[in-house]
């Protein structure tokens, strides 16, 4: 298990072994994703959004902007 120490400013240095495994370097971003209460995964955010194209297959039908807006409004109303 690899460990790091949190500084007084809340910063950590990601150990070299972990950086290498994640494929991240200086200037790259990582996200901390909560997977359970008190447990997080560190995820490298190194991909471009254009790499997501085709990831979910071909949509079964087209959705209009109006339908999207209605869905967003309905979800927002149900959250209140």
C-alpha atoms as a PDB file:
ATOM      1  CA  UNK A   1       0.000   0.000   0.000  1.00  0.00           C
ATOM      2  CA  UNK A   2       1.287   3.457  -0.898  1.00  0.00           C
ATOM      3  CA  UNK A   3       0.706   6.366   1.494  1.00  0.00           C
ATOM      4  CA  UNK A   4       1.058  10.159   1.444  1.00  0.00           C
ATOM      5  CA  UNK A   5       1.025  12.807   4.153  1.00  0.00           C
ATOM      6  CA  UNK A   6      -1.401  15.747   4.158  1.00  0.00           C
ATOM      7  CA  UNK A   7       0.283  19.122   4.734  1.00  0.00           C
ATOM      8  CA  UNK A   8      -1.123  21.904   6.895  1.00  0.00           C
ATOM      9  CA  UNK A   9      -2.489  23.453   3.677  1.00  0.00           C
ATOM     10  CA  UNK A  10      -4.397  20.259   2.823  1.00  0.00           C
ATOM     11  CA  UNK A  11      -2.010  19.264   0.037  1.00  0.00           C
ATOM     12  CA  UNK A  12      -0.552  15.855  -0.731  1.00  0.00           C
ATOM     13  CA  UNK A  13       2.157  14.637  -3.053  1.00  0.00           C
ATOM     14  CA  UNK A  14       0.977  11.684  -5.094  1.00  0.00           C
ATOM     15  CA  UNK A  15       3.697   9.036  -4.849  1.00  0.00           C
ATOM     16  CA  UNK A  16       5.663   8.403  -8.056  1.00  0.00           C
ATOM     17  CA  UNK A  17       4.421   4.805  -8.287  1.00  0.00           C
ATOM     18  CA  UNK A  18       0.793   5.983  -8.207  1.00  0.00           C
ATOM     19  CA  UNK A  19       1.413   8.809 -10.720  1.00  0.00           C
ATOM     20  CA  UNK A  20       3.047   6.340 -13.070  1.00  0.00           C
ATOM     21  CA  UNK A  21       0.192   3.847 -12.729  1.00  0.00           C
ATOM     22  CA  UNK A  22      -2.408   6.577 -13.364  1.00  0.00           C
ATOM     23  CA  UNK A  23      -0.399   7.983 -16.251  1.00  0.00           C
ATOM     24  CA  UNK A  24      -0.453  11.509 -14.834  1.00  0.00           C
ATOM     25  CA  UNK A  25       2.252  14.132 -14.722  1.00  0.00           C
ATOM     26  CA  UNK A  26       2.734  17.784 -13.889  1.00  0.00           C
ATOM     27  CA  UNK A  27      -0.315  19.852 -14.830  1.00  0.00           C
ATOM     28  CA  UNK A  28      -2.677  16.868 -15.206  1.00  0.00           C
ATOM     29  CA  UNK A  29      -5.874  16.733 -13.187  1.00  0.00           C
ATOM     30  CA  UNK A  30      -7.221  14.012 -10.922  1.00  0.00           C
ATOM     31  CA  UNK A  31     -10.675  13.616  -9.429  1.00  0.00           C
ATOM     32  CA  UNK A  32     -11.573  12.137  -6.072  1.00  0.00           C
ATOM     33  CA  UNK A  33     -14.731  10.054  -6.521  1.00  0.00           C
ATOM     34  CA  UNK A  34     -16.587   8.882  -3.408  1.00  0.00           C
ATOM     35  CA  UNK A  35     -17.381   5.181  -3.878  1.00  0.00           C
ATOM     36  CA  UNK A  36     -18.678   4.555  -0.342  1.00  0.00           C
ATOM     37  CA  UNK A  37     -18.914   6.534   2.873  1.00  0.00           C
ATOM     38  CA  UNK A  38     -15.348   7.540   3.709  1.00  0.00           C
ATOM     39  CA  UNK A  39     -13.855   5.755   0.655  1.00  0.00           C
ATOM     40  CA  UNK A  40     -12.640   7.539  -2.457  1.00  0.00           C
ATOM     41  CA  UNK A  41     -11.080   6.556  -5.762  1.00  0.00           C
ATOM     42  CA  UNK A  42      -8.472   8.756  -7.432  1.00  0.00           C
ATOM     43  CA  UNK A  43      -9.273   9.014 -11.138  1.00  0.00           C
ATOM     44  CA  UNK A  44      -6.985  10.558 -13.732  1.00  0.00           C
ATOM     45  CA  UNK A  45      -8.769  13.188 -15.830  1.00  0.00           C
ATOM     46  CA  UNK A  46      -6.450  13.048 -18.799  1.00  0.00           C
ATOM     47  CA  UNK A  47      -8.827  12.200 -21.623  1.00  0.00           C
ATOM     48  CA  UNK A  48     -10.332  14.709 -23.980  1.00  0.00           C
ATOM     49  CA  UNK A  49     -14.113  14.819 -24.174  1.00  0.00           C
ATOM     50  CA  UNK A  50     -13.816  13.971 -27.873  1.00  0.00           C
ATOM     51  CA  UNK A  51     -12.530  10.515 -26.887  1.00  0.00           C
ATOM     52  CA  UNK A  52     -15.989   9.725 -25.486  1.00  0.00           C
ATOM     53  CA  UNK A  53     -17.540   9.767 -28.953  1.00  0.00           C
ATOM     54  CA  UNK A  54     -19.128   6.410 -29.722  1.00  0.00           C
ATOM     55  CA  UNK A  55     -18.617   5.104 -26.195  1.00  0.00           C
ATOM     56  CA  UNK A  56     -22.330   4.541 -25.620  1.00  0.00           C
ATOM     57  CA  UNK A  57     -23.265   3.246 -29.057  1.00  0.00           C
ATOM     58  CA  UNK A  58     -25.843   4.637 -31.425  1.00  0.00           C
ATOM     59  CA  UNK A  59     -28.898   6.247 -29.804  1.00  0.00           C
ATOM     60  CA  UNK A  60     -32.196   4.462 -30.399  1.00  0.00           C
ATOM     61  CA  UNK A  61     -33.957   7.756 -31.159  1.00  0.00           C
ATOM     62  CA  UNK A  62     -33.218  11.451 -31.424  1.00  0.00           C
ATOM     63  CA  UNK A  63     -34.200  13.758 -28.595  1.00  0.00           C
ATOM     64  CA  UNK A  64     -35.140  17.369 -29.300  1.00  0.00           C
ATOM     65  CA  UNK A  65     -33.968  20.339 -27.269  1.00  0.00           C
ATOM     66  CA  UNK A  66     -37.580  20.842 -26.137  1.00  0.00           C
ATOM     67  CA  UNK A  67     -37.711  17.261 -24.800  1.00  0.00           C
ATOM     68  CA  UNK A  68     -34.416  17.790 -22.979  1.00  0.00           C
ATOM     69  CA  UNK A  69     -35.695  21.017 -21.425  1.00  0.00           C
ATOM     70  CA  UNK A  70     -38.932  19.311 -20.333  1.00  0.00           C
ATOM     71  CA  UNK A  71     -36.984  16.462 -18.719  1.00  0.00           C
ATOM     72  CA  UNK A  72     -34.708  18.926 -16.909  1.00  0.00           C
ATOM     73  CA  UNK A  73     -37.701  20.982 -15.702  1.00  0.00           C
ATOM     74  CA  UNK A  74     -39.537  17.864 -14.508  1.00  0.00           C
ATOM     75  CA  UNK A  75     -36.487  16.593 -12.639  1.00  0.00           C
ATOM     76  CA  UNK A  76     -35.913  20.020 -11.080  1.00  0.00           C
ATOM     77  CA  UNK A  77     -39.538  20.231  -9.955  1.00  0.00           C
ATOM     78  CA  UNK A  78     -39.395  16.753  -8.388  1.00  0.00           C
ATOM     79  CA  UNK A  79     -36.237  17.646  -6.427  1.00  0.00           C
ATOM     80  CA  UNK A  80     -37.983  20.417  -4.500  1.00  0.00           C
END
